[in-house]
Protein backbone atom coordinates (compact mmCIF):
# COMPACT_ATOMS: atom_id res chain seq x y z
CA UNK A 1 4.75 0.23 18.95
CA UNK A 2 3.08 3.77 19.68
CA UNK A 3 -0.28 3.73 21.43
CA UNK A 4 -1.95 6.49 19.03
CA UNK A 5 -4.68 5.06 16.84
CA UNK A 6 -3.73 4.68 13.12
CA UNK A 7 -6.23 5.88 10.48
CA UNK A 8 -5.94 4.89 6.75
CA UNK A 9 -6.96 7.47 4.25
CA UNK A 10 -7.83 6.02 0.80
CA UNK A 11 -7.45 8.85 -1.62
CA UNK A 12 -9.73 8.47 -4.69
CA UNK A 13 -10.33 11.85 -5.33
CA UNK A 14 -9.06 12.07 -8.93
CA UNK A 15 -10.87 11.15 -12.12
CA UNK A 16 -7.96 9.69 -13.95
CA UNK A 17 -7.45 12.20 -17.07
CA UNK A 18 -4.80 9.73 -18.53
CA UNK A 19 -7.03 6.75 -18.03
CA UNK A 20 -9.32 6.05 -21.13
CA UNK A 21 -12.51 4.74 -19.67
CA UNK A 22 -15.91 5.92 -19.07
CA UNK A 23 -16.04 6.29 -15.26
CA UNK A 24 -13.18 7.07 -12.66
CA UNK A 25 -10.58 4.28 -12.60
CA UNK A 26 -11.30 3.48 -8.98
CA UNK A 27 -14.71 2.32 -9.80
CA UNK A 28 -13.42 -0.02 -12.70
CA UNK A 29 -13.45 -3.69 -11.79
CA UNK A 30 -10.37 -5.80 -11.84
CA UNK A 31 -10.09 -9.34 -10.44
CA UNK A 32 -13.88 -9.35 -9.45
CA UNK A 33 -13.96 -6.08 -7.61
CA UNK A 34 -13.43 -2.44 -8.22
CA UNK A 35 -10.06 -0.72 -7.65
CA UNK A 36 -11.18 1.06 -4.83
CA UNK A 37 -12.71 -1.96 -3.08
CA UNK A 38 -9.13 -3.64 -3.37
CA UNK A 39 -7.47 -0.88 -1.69
CA UNK A 40 -9.88 -0.38 1.12
CA UNK A 41 -9.73 -4.21 1.68
CA UNK A 42 -5.92 -4.13 2.12
CA UNK A 43 -6.46 -1.69 5.24
CA UNK A 44 -9.55 -3.50 6.44
CA UNK A 45 -7.47 -6.64 6.73
CA UNK A 46 -4.55 -5.19 8.67
CA UNK A 47 -4.61 -5.60 12.27
CA UNK A 48 -2.58 -2.35 12.46
CA UNK A 49 -4.97 -0.17 11.01
CA UNK A 50 -7.90 1.22 13.35
CA UNK A 51 -10.25 3.23 11.00
CA UNK A 52 -10.46 4.10 7.45
CA UNK A 53 -11.64 7.27 5.59
CA UNK A 54 -12.43 7.21 1.91
CA UNK A 55 -12.06 10.44 -0.03
CA UNK A 56 -13.96 10.18 -3.48
CA UNK A 57 -13.97 12.21 -6.59
CA UNK A 58 -17.05 14.67 -6.77
CA UNK A 59 -19.84 13.44 -8.12
CA UNK A 60 -19.26 9.85 -7.42
CA UNK A 61 -19.87 9.68 -3.55
CA UNK A 62 -22.83 7.37 -3.85
CA UNK A 63 -20.79 4.88 -5.99
CA UNK A 64 -18.04 4.91 -3.26
CA UNK A 65 -20.66 4.40 -0.49
CA UNK A 66 -22.10 1.45 -2.46
CA UNK A 67 -18.68 -0.15 -2.74
CA UNK A 68 -18.16 0.13 1.01
CA UNK A 69 -21.69 -1.18 1.94
CA UNK A 70 -21.64 -4.11 -0.56
CA UNK A 71 -18.14 -5.26 0.85
CA UNK A 72 -19.43 -4.57 4.39
CA UNK A 73 -16.24 -2.71 5.38
CA UNK A 74 -16.66 -2.34 9.09
CA UNK A 75 -13.42 0.00 9.59
CA UNK A 76 -14.63 2.54 7.37
CA UNK A 77 -15.92 5.74 9.30
CA UNK A 78 -16.58 8.06 6.58
CA UNK A 79 -16.86 8.50 2.98
CA UNK A 80 -16.34 12.23 2.03
CA UNK A 81 -16.05 14.23 -1.12
CA UNK A 82 -12.48 15.30 -2.49
CA UNK A 83 -11.31 18.64 -3.48
CA UNK A 84 -10.08 19.98 -7.00
CA UNK A 85 -6.43 19.00 -6.18
CA UNK A 86 -4.84 16.06 -4.33
CA UNK A 87 -3.74 18.74 -1.64
CA UNK A 88 -7.51 19.74 -1.25
CA UNK A 89 -8.51 16.14 -1.00
CA UNK A 90 -5.90 15.55 1.73
CA UNK A 91 -6.87 18.64 3.47
CA UNK A 92 -10.55 17.62 3.61
CA UNK A 93 -9.57 14.07 5.07
CA UNK A 94 -7.32 15.76 7.78
CA UNK A 95 -10.30 18.03 8.81
CA UNK A 96 -12.71 15.03 8.98
CA UNK A 97 -10.05 13.49 11.54
CA UNK A 98 -10.57 16.30 14.28
CA UNK A 99 -8.08 17.38 16.61
CA UNK A 100 -7.06 14.50 18.29
CA UNK A 101 -3.36 13.22 17.47
CA UNK A 102 -3.23 10.02 15.75
CA UNK A 103 -0.99 8.37 13.00
CA UNK A 104 -2.41 8.82 9.42
CA UNK A 105 -1.72 6.76 6.40
CA UNK A 106 -2.48 8.38 3.15
CA UNK A 107 -2.99 5.88 0.21
CA UNK A 108 -3.55 6.09 -3.46
CA UNK A 109 -6.79 4.19 -4.22
CA UNK A 110 -4.96 3.61 -7.71
CA UNK A 111 -2.75 1.19 -5.80
CA UNK A 112 -4.95 -1.73 -5.40
CA UNK A 113 -2.03 -4.36 -4.75
CA UNK A 114 -0.58 -2.93 -1.82
CA UNK A 115 0.58 -5.59 0.53
CA UNK A 116 0.23 -5.99 4.44
CA UNK A 117 4.16 -6.11 4.40
CA UNK A 118 4.25 -2.60 3.13
CA UNK A 119 1.56 -1.21 5.46
CA UNK A 120 3.29 -2.90 8.37
CA UNK A 121 6.56 -1.53 7.47
CA UNK A 122 5.28 1.99 7.34
CA UNK A 123 3.22 1.73 10.63
CA UNK A 124 6.04 0.17 12.63
CA UNK A 125 8.39 3.13 11.34
CA UNK A 126 5.91 5.65 12.77
CA UNK A 127 6.94 4.46 16.33
CA UNK A 128 10.20 6.30 15.70
CA UNK A 129 9.47 8.83 12.95
CA UNK A 130 6.77 11.39 12.22
CA UNK A 131 6.94 10.93 8.38
CA UNK A 132 7.56 7.65 6.52
CA UNK A 133 7.26 6.76 2.89
CA UNK A 134 7.73 3.45 0.89
CA UNK A 135 9.96 3.28 -2.05
CA UNK A 136 11.52 1.02 -4.43
CA UNK A 137 15.05 1.40 -6.00
CA UNK A 138 15.21 2.48 -9.55
CA UNK A 139 16.40 -0.06 -11.93
CA UNK A 140 16.77 2.42 -15.02
CA UNK A 141 19.30 4.82 -15.71
CA UNK A 142 17.80 8.25 -15.08
CA UNK A 143 18.99 11.39 -16.76
CA UNK A 144 18.07 14.95 -16.62
CA UNK A 145 17.38 16.67 -20.13
CA UNK A 146 17.27 20.29 -21.37
CA UNK A 147 15.49 20.68 -24.76
CA UNK A 148 15.40 16.97 -25.16
CA UNK A 149 19.11 16.77 -24.77
CA UNK A 150 20.67 14.91 -21.92
CA UNK A 151 22.66 16.85 -19.68
CA UNK A 152 23.27 14.80 -16.41
CA UNK A 153 23.00 11.31 -15.49
CA UNK A 154 21.68 10.97 -11.81
CA UNK A 155 23.25 8.60 -9.34
CA UNK A 156 21.07 5.47 -9.54
CA UNK A 157 22.05 4.20 -6.18
CA UNK A 158 20.61 7.28 -4.52
CA UNK A 159 17.31 7.27 -6.55
CA UNK A 160 13.93 5.87 -5.26
CA UNK A 161 10.48 5.71 -6.53
CA UNK A 162 8.17 6.68 -4.09
CA UNK A 163 4.86 4.67 -3.11
CA UNK A 164 1.88 4.79 -0.88
CA UNK A 165 0.61 4.44 1.95
CA UNK A 166 2.80 7.34 3.31
CA UNK A 167 2.49 7.62 7.06
CA UNK A 168 2.73 10.51 9.26
CA UNK A 169 1.74 12.05 12.84
CA UNK A 170 -1.42 14.14 12.17
CA UNK A 171 0.16 17.32 13.50
CA UNK A 172 3.10 17.06 11.17
CA UNK A 173 1.07 16.24 7.80
CA UNK A 174 -1.67 18.79 8.83
CA UNK A 175 0.96 21.64 9.12
CA UNK A 176 2.75 20.52 5.84
CA UNK A 177 -0.62 20.37 3.86
CA UNK A 178 -1.59 23.78 5.12
CA UNK A 179 1.68 25.31 4.01
CA UNK A 180 1.29 23.41 0.71
CA UNK A 181 -1.80 24.99 0.04
CA UNK A 182 0.05 28.33 -0.40
CA UNK A 183 2.82 26.97 -2.49
CA UNK A 184 3.29 27.49 -6.20
CA UNK A 185 5.06 24.29 -6.54
CA UNK A 186 2.56 21.39 -6.58
CA UNK A 187 3.32 18.66 -4.41
CA UNK A 188 2.77 15.10 -6.15
CA UNK A 189 2.87 13.29 -2.73
CA UNK A 190 2.53 14.09 0.89
CA UNK A 191 6.08 13.20 1.84
CA UNK A 192 7.29 15.98 -0.48
CA UNK A 193 5.08 18.49 1.24
CA UNK A 194 6.73 17.55 4.52
CA UNK A 195 10.10 17.65 3.24
CA UNK A 196 9.44 21.11 1.91
CA UNK A 197 7.31 22.71 4.60
CA UNK A 198 8.21 21.20 7.83
CA UNK A 199 11.92 21.64 8.62
CA UNK A 200 13.41 19.33 11.06
CA UNK A 201 11.08 16.42 10.48
CA UNK A 202 12.98 13.54 8.65
CA UNK A 203 11.17 11.54 6.22
CA UNK A 204 12.05 7.91 6.65
CA UNK A 205 12.23 5.79 3.52
CA UNK A 206 11.12 2.10 4.13
CA UNK A 207 11.03 -0.78 1.67
CA UNK A 208 8.24 -0.66 -0.84
CA UNK A 209 7.05 -3.31 -3.26
CA UNK A 210 7.52 -3.55 -6.97
CA UNK A 211 4.05 -4.98 -7.08
CA UNK A 212 2.44 -2.03 -5.53
CA UNK A 213 1.66 -0.21 -8.95
CA UNK A 214 -0.26 2.86 -9.49
CA UNK A 215 -2.95 2.17 -12.06
CA UNK A 216 -2.59 4.92 -14.64
CA UNK A 217 -3.33 3.58 -18.03
CA UNK A 218 -5.38 0.60 -19.65
CA UNK A 219 -1.84 -1.41 -19.64
CA UNK A 220 -1.53 -0.84 -16.01
CA UNK A 221 -4.95 -2.39 -15.49
CA UNK A 222 -3.91 -5.62 -17.20
CA UNK A 223 -0.85 -5.61 -14.99
CA UNK A 224 -3.23 -5.21 -11.99
CA UNK A 225 -5.34 -7.98 -12.98
CA UNK A 226 -2.44 -10.40 -13.00
CA UNK A 227 -0.97 -9.17 -9.62
CA UNK A 228 -4.41 -9.47 -7.83
CA UNK A 229 -5.55 -12.96 -9.27
CA UNK A 230 -2.36 -14.77 -8.69
């Protein structure tokens, strides 16, 4: 294992435009605590994580600090305001980390059921790779369409659905994020930014978990409730 410290960044900078609720989805309660609290708790409990930074949606910093204070999360070193985009929020978190090299885990707060097994798989892989992402196999047939007409069936055995936390050496994800800021193509996750903008750095895929769902809709909230209470 590497002797670099490992910092988890819990990204809660979005407001969930597809989520029909009066407040940001990360502040909605499920299984007795907020989605944000569940996500932070996973990294708080991991012996492989040294520090945690929370990136919160603008206008909701006080609510995020209240979540942290109420749960007495000892590893949370900062709660900072996110930006207008995911890339902006990631950039702000990386700025807060300073210049000292470390390992960074970037996690969507909307994945409250992340397990220690997934966290450990990513951290362990960082001892040999500078970019790591958990993923699960695609069980559905996936096709390309043009004007709503199917034109190609993609090889399912090579397809994976990406999850978080995604892990990186700080210098690698910092270079990728800086480059992505000037890219017309929006990177929907951080491994994509590394793949596009840091030639020569392999993005290793490790096993994710089908239960590590992203809460996007009210229906997802019901699934998360079952996962977190069982």
